[in-house]
Amino acid sequence: MIHLGNASTASLSLSGIRRALAIGTCAVTVALAGVLTAPAFAQTPAQAASGGGGKRGDTTVRKTVKQSAPGKMNGMKMKGKMKMMALPRAVLVFPTDGKGGVSDQIADTITETIQARISASEKYQTVYFLRSIPTVARALNEATLTPNEVSHPFDDDAKLRKLMPNAGYDLALTTSVDSYTYDPAKNQVTLLISARLIDYRGAKPVVRAVAENGSSAANGGNAKEIDLANQVAKSITEKLMTSLLSQEKMSP
């Protein structure tokens, strides 16, 4: 049996609880609304322009600036790389013409010195002449060139005028051992080497010619003839290349 007084109290209690829940729900709704709408007012366009506003707006502005700078730098770097990637003009280096015997054995030393000096200049690249160069091999197969025209001696103007266009290059470097003597009593080698750099780009070939001679020490001791010959050949070729590369610059 429920008394009226207790029922009234129970009713009031339930009413109070409902009211409290309603007030709490409203408060939560208002709070959520504030949270959801807050980012919209974190930074106005004017604040973004002036650097003001909340941290989130500041971070966004900084990221935009950082992203634009590397793009410009990358573009500049790419342009620089493209310039660096441009290949220098090629010099077709022919095997050295010798006089037979030891003079033929020093040909590799002469060629290697030439290629090293040209590469060190960083203005040109070298291509060593071989029959297996694709353009030369094709010309041989098609009989545009004969075996004689791709063989020693290479310091032959008529031969080079025909060979160079078929090889696909317009700058040639030829060398020859013009004189070789060996004195066994002194164990001494004496050499005369000449070099020609020929530019075929114009209507007429432009030729730059140099020659140098040299000898090993008067008393070679127990050194072998071939070793003395290689030493002298390297020294003379260094002088030849210094002279050629110091002359009027080759057109790039």
C-alpha atoms as a PDB file:
ATOM      1  CA  MET A   1       0.000   0.000   0.000  1.00  0.00           C
ATOM      2  CA  ILE A   2       1.487   3.346  -1.143  1.00  0.00           C
ATOM      3  CA  HIS A   3       0.897   6.485   0.805  1.00  0.00           C
ATOM      4  CA  LEU A   4       0.142   9.668  -1.040  1.00  0.00           C
ATOM      5  CA  GLY A   5       3.036  11.419   0.576  1.00  0.00           C
ATOM      6  CA  ASN A   6       5.458   8.811  -0.694  1.00  0.00           C
ATOM      7  CA  ALA A   7       3.932   8.864  -4.198  1.00  0.00           C
ATOM      8  CA  SER A   8       4.291  12.588  -4.381  1.00  0.00           C
ATOM      9  CA  THR A   9       7.887  12.336  -3.314  1.00  0.00           C
ATOM     10  CA  ALA A  10       8.577   9.634  -5.871  1.00  0.00           C
ATOM     11  CA  SER A  11       6.933  11.710  -8.574  1.00  0.00           C
ATOM     12  CA  LEU A  12       8.995  14.711  -7.665  1.00  0.00           C
ATOM     13  CA  SER A  13      12.158  12.641  -7.693  1.00  0.00           C
ATOM     14  CA  LEU A  14      11.465  11.259 -11.181  1.00  0.00           C
ATOM     15  CA  SER A  15      10.637  14.732 -12.416  1.00  0.00           C
ATOM     16  CA  GLY A  16      13.875  16.104 -11.033  1.00  0.00           C
ATOM     17  CA  ILE A  17      15.884  13.342 -12.630  1.00  0.00           C
ATOM     18  CA  ARG A  18      14.280  13.963 -16.033  1.00  0.00           C
ATOM     19  CA  ARG A  19      14.902  17.674 -15.714  1.00  0.00           C
ATOM     20  CA  ALA A  20      18.520  17.097 -14.826  1.00  0.00           C
ATOM     21  CA  LEU A  21      18.988  14.759 -17.758  1.00  0.00           C
ATOM     22  CA  ALA A  22      17.435  17.302 -20.113  1.00  0.00           C
ATOM     23  CA  ILE A  23      19.711  20.060 -18.822  1.00  0.00           C
ATOM     24  CA  GLY A  24      22.737  17.781 -19.145  1.00  0.00           C
ATOM     25  CA  THR A  25      21.817  16.821 -22.678  1.00  0.00           C
ATOM     26  CA  CYS A  26      21.511  20.475 -23.661  1.00  0.00           C
ATOM     27  CA  ALA A  27      24.840  21.248 -22.106  1.00  0.00           C
ATOM     28  CA  VAL A  28      26.515  18.411 -23.997  1.00  0.00           C
ATOM     29  CA  THR A  29      24.861  19.519 -27.243  1.00  0.00           C
ATOM     30  CA  VAL A  30      26.060  23.087 -26.761  1.00  0.00           C
ATOM     31  CA  ALA A  31      29.557  21.897 -25.940  1.00  0.00           C
ATOM     32  CA  LEU A  32      29.702  19.669 -29.000  1.00  0.00           C
ATOM     33  CA  ALA A  33      28.435  22.482 -31.158  1.00  0.00           C
ATOM     34  CA  GLY A  34      31.181  24.689 -29.839  1.00  0.00           C
ATOM     35  CA  VAL A  35      33.823  22.092 -30.559  1.00  0.00           C
ATOM     36  CA  LEU A  36      32.542  21.453 -34.091  1.00  0.00           C
ATOM     37  CA  THR A  37      32.282  25.125 -35.008  1.00  0.00           C
ATOM     38  CA  ALA A  38      35.539  26.193 -33.361  1.00  0.00           C
ATOM     39  CA  PRO A  39      37.863  25.304 -36.341  1.00  0.00           C
ATOM     40  CA  ALA A  40      35.804  27.497 -38.625  1.00  0.00           C
ATOM     41  CA  PHE A  41      36.786  30.485 -36.526  1.00  0.00           C
ATOM     42  CA  ALA A  42      40.359  29.399 -35.789  1.00  0.00           C
ATOM     43  CA  GLN A  43      41.796  31.708 -38.449  1.00  0.00           C
ATOM     44  CA  THR A  44      40.220  34.136 -40.866  1.00  0.00           C
ATOM     45  CA  PRO A  45      41.771  34.947 -44.276  1.00  0.00           C
ATOM     46  CA  ALA A  46      42.944  38.237 -42.824  1.00  0.00           C
ATOM     47  CA  GLN A  47      44.591  36.453 -39.903  1.00  0.00           C
ATOM     48  CA  ALA A  48      46.264  33.998 -42.283  1.00  0.00           C
ATOM     49  CA  ALA A  49      47.674  36.874 -44.306  1.00  0.00           C
ATOM     50  CA  SER A  50      48.940  38.663 -41.194  1.00  0.00           C
ATOM     51  CA  GLY A  51      50.321  35.512 -39.570  1.00  0.00           C
ATOM     52  CA  GLY A  52      47.854  35.699 -36.694  1.00  0.00           C
ATOM     53  CA  GLY A  53      45.280  33.244 -35.424  1.00  0.00           C
ATOM     54  CA  GLY A  54      45.517  29.756 -33.968  1.00  0.00           C
ATOM     55  CA  LYS A  55      48.396  27.336 -34.170  1.00  0.00           C
ATOM     56  CA  ARG A  56      46.712  25.210 -36.779  1.00  0.00           C
ATOM     57  CA  GLY A  57      46.446  28.168 -39.141  1.00  0.00           C
ATOM     58  CA  ASP A  58      50.103  29.052 -38.535  1.00  0.00           C
ATOM     59  CA  THR A  59      51.218  25.513 -39.309  1.00  0.00           C
ATOM     60  CA  THR A  60      49.253  25.477 -42.555  1.00  0.00           C
ATOM     61  CA  VAL A  61      50.831  28.719 -43.741  1.00  0.00           C
ATOM     62  CA  ARG A  62      54.347  27.511 -42.949  1.00  0.00           C
ATOM     63  CA  LYS A  63      53.825  24.246 -44.862  1.00  0.00           C
ATOM     64  CA  THR A  64      52.674  26.129 -47.952  1.00  0.00           C
ATOM     65  CA  VAL A  65      55.807  28.288 -47.963  1.00  0.00           C
ATOM     66  CA  LYS A  66      58.132  25.322 -47.427  1.00  0.00           C
ATOM     67  CA  GLN A  67      56.582  23.403 -50.299  1.00  0.00           C
ATOM     68  CA  SER A  68      57.031  26.194 -52.838  1.00  0.00           C
ATOM     69  CA  ALA A  69      60.744  26.836 -52.231  1.00  0.00           C
ATOM     70  CA  PRO A  70      62.039  23.306 -52.936  1.00  0.00           C
ATOM     71  CA  GLY A  71      60.065  23.256 -56.167  1.00  0.00           C
ATOM     72  CA  LYS A  72      61.948  26.285 -57.463  1.00  0.00           C
ATOM     73  CA  MET A  73      65.259  24.914 -56.255  1.00  0.00           C
ATOM     74  CA  ASN A  74      64.583  21.564 -57.897  1.00  0.00           C
ATOM     75  CA  GLY A  75      63.836  23.346 -61.158  1.00  0.00           C
ATOM     76  CA  MET A  76      67.143  25.207 -60.975  1.00  0.00           C
ATOM     77  CA  LYS A  77      69.006  21.992 -60.157  1.00  0.00           C
ATOM     78  CA  MET A  78      67.384  20.183 -63.081  1.00  0.00           C
ATOM     79  CA  LYS A  79      68.422  22.945 -65.477  1.00  0.00           C
ATOM     80  CA  GLY A  80      71.954  22.745 -64.109  1.00  0.00           C
ATOM     81  CA  LYS A  81      72.006  18.974 -64.543  1.00  0.00           C
ATOM     82  CA  MET A  82      70.731  19.255 -68.113  1.00  0.00           C
ATOM     83  CA  LYS A  83      73.611  21.602 -68.936  1.00  0.00           C
ATOM     84  CA  MET A  84      76.087  19.253 -67.304  1.00  0.00           C
ATOM     85  CA  MET A  85      74.661  16.311 -69.226  1.00  0.00           C
ATOM     86  CA  ALA A  86      75.491  17.913 -72.578  1.00  0.00           C
ATOM     87  CA  LEU A  87      78.258  15.731 -74.019  1.00  0.00           C
ATOM     88  CA  PRO A  88      81.499  17.435 -75.079  1.00  0.00           C
ATOM     89  CA  ARG A  89      82.689  17.203 -78.654  1.00  0.00           C
ATOM     90  CA  ALA A  90      84.317  13.878 -79.549  1.00  0.00           C
ATOM     91  CA  VAL A  91      87.854  13.491 -80.875  1.00  0.00           C
ATOM     92  CA  LEU A  92      88.451  10.363 -82.957  1.00  0.00           C
ATOM     93  CA  VAL A  93      91.917   9.172 -81.882  1.00  0.00           C
ATOM     94  CA  PHE A  94      93.678   6.973 -84.438  1.00  0.00           C
ATOM     95  CA  PRO A  95      96.282   4.310 -83.618  1.00  0.00           C
ATOM     96  CA  THR A  96      99.840   5.597 -83.814  1.00  0.00           C
ATOM     97  CA  ASP A  97     101.743   4.909 -87.026  1.00  0.00           C
ATOM     98  CA  GLY A  98     105.080   3.287 -86.145  1.00  0.00           C
ATOM     99  CA  LYS A  99     108.295   2.317 -87.917  1.00  0.00           C
ATOM    100  CA  GLY A 100     108.180  -1.309 -86.916  1.00  0.00           C
ATOM    101  CA  GLY A 101     109.929  -3.107 -84.072  1.00  0.00           C
ATOM    102  CA  VAL A 102     109.912  -1.372 -80.684  1.00  0.00           C
ATOM    103  CA  SER A 103     108.339   1.775 -82.180  1.00  0.00           C
ATOM    104  CA  ASP A 104     105.154  -0.228 -82.754  1.00  0.00           C
ATOM    105  CA  GLN A 105     105.200  -1.517 -79.177  1.00  0.00           C
ATOM    106  CA  ILE A 106     104.995   1.988 -77.691  1.00  0.00           C
ATOM    107  CA  ALA A 107     101.816   2.854 -79.629  1.00  0.00           C
ATOM    108  CA  ASP A 108      99.560   2.016 -76.682  1.00  0.00           C
ATOM    109  CA  THR A 109     101.540   4.305 -74.361  1.00  0.00           C
ATOM    110  CA  ILE A 110     101.173   7.184 -76.816  1.00  0.00           C
ATOM    111  CA  THR A 111      97.430   6.610 -77.278  1.00  0.00           C
ATOM    112  CA  GLU A 112      96.713   6.241 -73.562  1.00  0.00           C
ATOM    113  CA  THR A 113      98.589   9.480 -72.801  1.00  0.00           C
ATOM    114  CA  ILE A 114      96.646  11.329 -75.513  1.00  0.00           C
ATOM    115  CA  GLN A 115      93.274  10.117 -74.230  1.00  0.00           C
ATOM    116  CA  ALA A 116      94.155  10.891 -70.616  1.00  0.00           C
ATOM    117  CA  ARG A 117      95.190  14.454 -71.441  1.00  0.00           C
ATOM    118  CA  ILE A 118      92.087  15.144 -73.541  1.00  0.00           C
ATOM    119  CA  SER A 119      89.811  13.747 -70.839  1.00  0.00           C
ATOM    120  CA  ALA A 120      91.581  15.821 -68.186  1.00  0.00           C
ATOM    121  CA  SER A 121      90.771  18.976 -70.162  1.00  0.00           C
ATOM    122  CA  GLU A 122      87.040  18.274 -69.480  1.00  0.00           C
ATOM    123  CA  LYS A 123      86.214  19.956 -72.794  1.00  0.00           C
ATOM    124  CA  TYR A 124      86.342  16.966 -75.106  1.00  0.00           C
ATOM    125  CA  GLN A 125      85.820  13.229 -75.058  1.00  0.00           C
ATOM    126  CA  THR A 126      87.818  10.664 -77.002  1.00  0.00           C
ATOM    127  CA  VAL A 127      86.804   7.728 -79.175  1.00  0.00           C
ATOM    128  CA  TYR A 128      89.508   5.251 -80.154  1.00  0.00           C
ATOM    129  CA  PHE A 129      89.295   4.283 -83.802  1.00  0.00           C
ATOM    130  CA  LEU A 130      88.462   0.649 -84.470  1.00  0.00           C
ATOM    131  CA  ARG A 131      87.049  -1.169 -87.465  1.00  0.00           C
ATOM    132  CA  SER A 132      84.297  -2.428 -85.163  1.00  0.00           C
ATOM    133  CA  ILE A 133      82.794   1.057 -84.717  1.00  0.00           C
ATOM    134  CA  PRO A 134      79.230   0.467 -86.026  1.00  0.00           C
ATOM    135  CA  THR A 135      79.366   3.183 -88.683  1.00  0.00           C
ATOM    136  CA  VAL A 136      82.745   1.984 -89.931  1.00  0.00           C
ATOM    137  CA  ALA A 137      81.680  -1.676 -89.934  1.00  0.00           C
ATOM    138  CA  ARG A 138      78.559  -0.758 -91.941  1.00  0.00           C
ATOM    139  CA  ALA A 139      80.637   1.215 -94.459  1.00  0.00           C
ATOM    140  CA  LEU A 140      82.927  -1.797 -94.881  1.00  0.00           C
ATOM    141  CA  ASN A 141      79.959  -4.128 -95.380  1.00  0.00           C
ATOM    142  CA  GLU A 142      78.467  -1.781 -97.952  1.00  0.00           C
ATOM    143  CA  ALA A 143      81.854  -1.334 -99.643  1.00  0.00           C
ATOM    144  CA  THR A 144      81.709   2.424 -99.026  1.00  0.00           C
ATOM    145  CA  LEU A 145      85.113   2.004 -97.388  1.00  0.00           C
ATOM    146  CA  THR A 146      87.805  -0.493 -98.338  1.00  0.00           C
ATOM    147  CA  PRO A 147      89.989  -2.436 -95.860  1.00  0.00           C
ATOM    148  CA  ASN A 148      92.969  -0.337 -96.966  1.00  0.00           C
ATOM    149  CA  GLU A 149      91.134   2.877 -96.044  1.00  0.00           C
ATOM    150  CA  VAL A 150      90.682   1.742 -92.447  1.00  0.00           C
ATOM    151  CA  SER A 151      94.274   0.544 -91.981  1.00  0.00           C
ATOM    152  CA  HIS A 152      97.697   2.115 -91.309  1.00  0.00           C
ATOM    153  CA  PRO A 153      98.986   4.609 -92.131  1.00  0.00           C
ATOM    154  CA  PHE A 154      96.305   6.982 -90.808  1.00  0.00           C
ATOM    155  CA  ASP A 155      98.290  10.186 -91.261  1.00  0.00           C
ATOM    156  CA  ASP A 156      97.064  10.383 -94.855  1.00  0.00           C
ATOM    157  CA  ASP A 157      94.911  13.357 -95.872  1.00  0.00           C
ATOM    158  CA  ALA A 158      93.093  11.672 -98.755  1.00  0.00           C
ATOM    159  CA  LYS A 159      92.286   8.637 -96.628  1.00  0.00           C
ATOM    160  CA  LEU A 160      91.024  10.716 -93.684  1.00  0.00           C
ATOM    161  CA  ARG A 161      88.798  12.922 -95.866  1.00  0.00           C
ATOM    162  CA  LYS A 162      86.910   9.819 -96.968  1.00  0.00           C
ATOM    163  CA  LEU A 163      87.050   7.918 -93.696  1.00  0.00           C
ATOM    164  CA  MET A 164      85.895  10.638 -91.286  1.00  0.00           C
ATOM    165  CA  PRO A 165      82.371  11.226 -92.731  1.00  0.00           C
ATOM    166  CA  ASN A 166      81.770   7.470 -92.821  1.00  0.00           C
ATOM    167  CA  ALA A 167      82.952   7.116 -89.233  1.00  0.00           C
ATOM    168  CA  GLY A 168      80.521   9.822 -88.135  1.00  0.00           C
ATOM    169  CA  TYR A 169      83.054  12.187 -86.505  1.00  0.00           C
ATOM    170  CA  ASP A 170      84.532  15.505 -87.590  1.00  0.00           C
ATOM    171  CA  LEU A 171      87.564  15.909 -85.308  1.00  0.00           C
ATOM    172  CA  ALA A 172      90.550  13.582 -85.788  1.00  0.00           C
ATOM    173  CA  LEU A 173      93.856  13.176 -83.978  1.00  0.00           C
ATOM    174  CA  THR A 174      96.651  11.243 -85.657  1.00  0.00           C
ATOM    175  CA  THR A 175     100.169  10.497 -84.375  1.00  0.00           C
ATOM    176  CA  SER A 176     103.244   8.878 -85.858  1.00  0.00           C
ATOM    177  CA  VAL A 177     106.688   7.840 -84.676  1.00  0.00           C
ATOM    178  CA  ASP A 178     108.777   9.587 -87.320  1.00  0.00           C
ATOM    179  CA  SER A 179     112.124   8.457 -85.991  1.00  0.00           C
ATOM    180  CA  TYR A 180     113.296   5.799 -83.535  1.00  0.00           C
ATOM    181  CA  THR A 181     116.903   5.025 -82.643  1.00  0.00           C
ATOM    182  CA  TYR A 182     118.507   2.940 -79.940  1.00  0.00           C
ATOM    183  CA  ASP A 183     122.135   3.187 -78.861  1.00  0.00           C
ATOM    184  CA  PRO A 184     123.090  -0.114 -77.169  1.00  0.00           C
ATOM    185  CA  ALA A 185     126.435   1.265 -75.977  1.00  0.00           C
ATOM    186  CA  LYS A 186     124.659   3.942 -73.941  1.00  0.00           C
ATOM    187  CA  ASN A 187     121.422   1.985 -73.525  1.00  0.00           C
ATOM    188  CA  GLN A 188     119.661   5.122 -74.778  1.00  0.00           C
ATOM    189  CA  VAL A 189     116.478   5.611 -76.793  1.00  0.00           C
ATOM    190  CA  THR A 190     115.800   8.652 -78.979  1.00  0.00           C
ATOM    191  CA  LEU A 191     112.363   9.395 -80.459  1.00  0.00           C
ATOM    192  CA  LEU A 192     110.709  11.895 -82.779  1.00  0.00           C
ATOM    193  CA  ILE A 193     106.896  11.903 -82.588  1.00  0.00           C
ATOM    194  CA  SER A 194     104.464  14.138 -84.461  1.00  0.00           C
ATOM    195  CA  ALA A 195     100.729  14.734 -83.962  1.00  0.00           C
ATOM    196  CA  ARG A 196      98.000  16.371 -86.021  1.00  0.00           C
ATOM    197  CA  LEU A 197      94.599  17.571 -84.836  1.00  0.00           C
ATOM    198  CA  ILE A 198      92.289  18.015 -87.836  1.00  0.00           C
ATOM    199  CA  ASP A 199      88.896  19.724 -87.752  1.00  0.00           C
ATOM    200  CA  TYR A 200      86.625  18.673 -90.638  1.00  0.00           C
ATOM    201  CA  ARG A 201      83.544  20.745 -89.786  1.00  0.00           C
ATOM    202  CA  GLY A 202      84.211  23.595 -92.193  1.00  0.00           C
ATOM    203  CA  ALA A 203      84.507  23.700 -95.958  1.00  0.00           C
ATOM    204  CA  LYS A 204      88.254  23.095 -95.597  1.00  0.00           C
ATOM    205  CA  PRO A 205      89.979  21.019 -92.918  1.00  0.00           C
ATOM    206  CA  VAL A 206      91.747  23.014 -90.204  1.00  0.00           C
ATOM    207  CA  VAL A 207      95.025  21.327 -89.280  1.00  0.00           C
ATOM    208  CA  ARG A 208      97.109  21.901 -86.166  1.00  0.00           C
ATOM    209  CA  ALA A 209     100.422  20.036 -86.291  1.00  0.00           C
ATOM    210  CA  VAL A 210     103.144  19.656 -83.675  1.00  0.00           C
ATOM    211  CA  ALA A 211     106.301  17.545 -83.311  1.00  0.00           C
ATOM    212  CA  GLU A 212     108.620  16.788 -80.401  1.00  0.00           C
ATOM    213  CA  ASN A 213     111.777  14.755 -79.936  1.00  0.00           C
ATOM    214  CA  GLY A 214     113.452  13.410 -76.837  1.00  0.00           C
ATOM    215  CA  SER A 215     115.906  10.880 -75.462  1.00  0.00           C
ATOM    216  CA  SER A 216     116.300   8.768 -72.371  1.00  0.00           C
ATOM    217  CA  ALA A 217     119.256   9.305 -70.031  1.00  0.00           C
ATOM    218  CA  ALA A 218     122.712   8.882 -71.567  1.00  0.00           C
ATOM    219  CA  ASN A 219     123.315   5.868 -69.360  1.00  0.00           C
ATOM    220  CA  GLY A 220     120.213   3.724 -69.055  1.00  0.00           C
ATOM    221  CA  GLY A 221     121.846   1.298 -66.646  1.00  0.00           C
ATOM    222  CA  ASN A 222     120.128  -2.068 -66.604  1.00  0.00           C
ATOM    223  CA  ALA A 223     116.772  -0.761 -67.858  1.00  0.00           C
ATOM    224  CA  LYS A 224     115.197  -2.638 -70.750  1.00  0.00           C
ATOM    225  CA  GLU A 225     114.943  -0.932 -74.119  1.00  0.00           C
ATOM    226  CA  ILE A 226     111.137  -1.175 -74.180  1.00  0.00           C
ATOM    227  CA  ASP A 227     110.887   0.445 -70.739  1.00  0.00           C
ATOM    228  CA  LEU A 228     113.126   3.312 -71.809  1.00  0.00           C
ATOM    229  CA  ALA A 229     111.127   3.709 -75.021  1.00  0.00           C
ATOM    230  CA  ASN A 230     107.818   3.864 -73.127  1.00  0.00           C
ATOM    231  CA  GLN A 231     109.198   6.489 -70.733  1.00  0.00           C
ATOM    232  CA  VAL A 232     110.413   8.710 -73.576  1.00  0.00           C
ATOM    233  CA  ALA A 233     107.196   8.199 -75.567  1.00  0.00           C
ATOM    234  CA  LYS A 234     105.052   9.249 -72.602  1.00  0.00           C
ATOM    235  CA  SER A 235     107.181  12.332 -71.936  1.00  0.00           C
ATOM    236  CA  ILE A 236     107.128  13.444 -75.579  1.00  0.00           C
ATOM    237  CA  THR A 237     103.370  12.837 -75.922  1.00  0.00           C
ATOM    238  CA  GLU A 238     102.701  14.941 -72.832  1.00  0.00           C
ATOM    239  CA  LYS A 239     104.542  17.825 -74.500  1.00  0.00           C
ATOM    240  CA  LEU A 240     102.655  17.290 -77.770  1.00  0.00           C
ATOM    241  CA  MET A 241      99.278  17.442 -76.060  1.00  0.00           C
ATOM    242  CA  THR A 242     100.225  20.493 -74.008  1.00  0.00           C
ATOM    243  CA  SER A 243     101.122  22.247 -77.234  1.00  0.00           C
ATOM    244  CA  LEU A 244      97.943  21.175 -79.068  1.00  0.00           C
ATOM    245  CA  LEU A 245      95.573  22.002 -76.226  1.00  0.00           C
ATOM    246  CA  SER A 246      97.202  25.392 -75.636  1.00  0.00           C
ATOM    247  CA  GLN A 247      96.748  26.436 -79.259  1.00  0.00           C
ATOM    248  CA  GLU A 248      93.637  28.216 -80.456  1.00  0.00           C
ATOM    249  CA  LYS A 249      90.660  26.541 -78.790  1.00  0.00           C
ATOM    250  CA  MET A 250      88.787  23.954 -80.800  1.00  0.00           C
ATOM    251  CA  SER A 251      85.193  24.946 -81.458  1.00  0.00           C
ATOM    252  CA  PRO A 252      82.799  23.094 -79.103  1.00  0.00           C
END
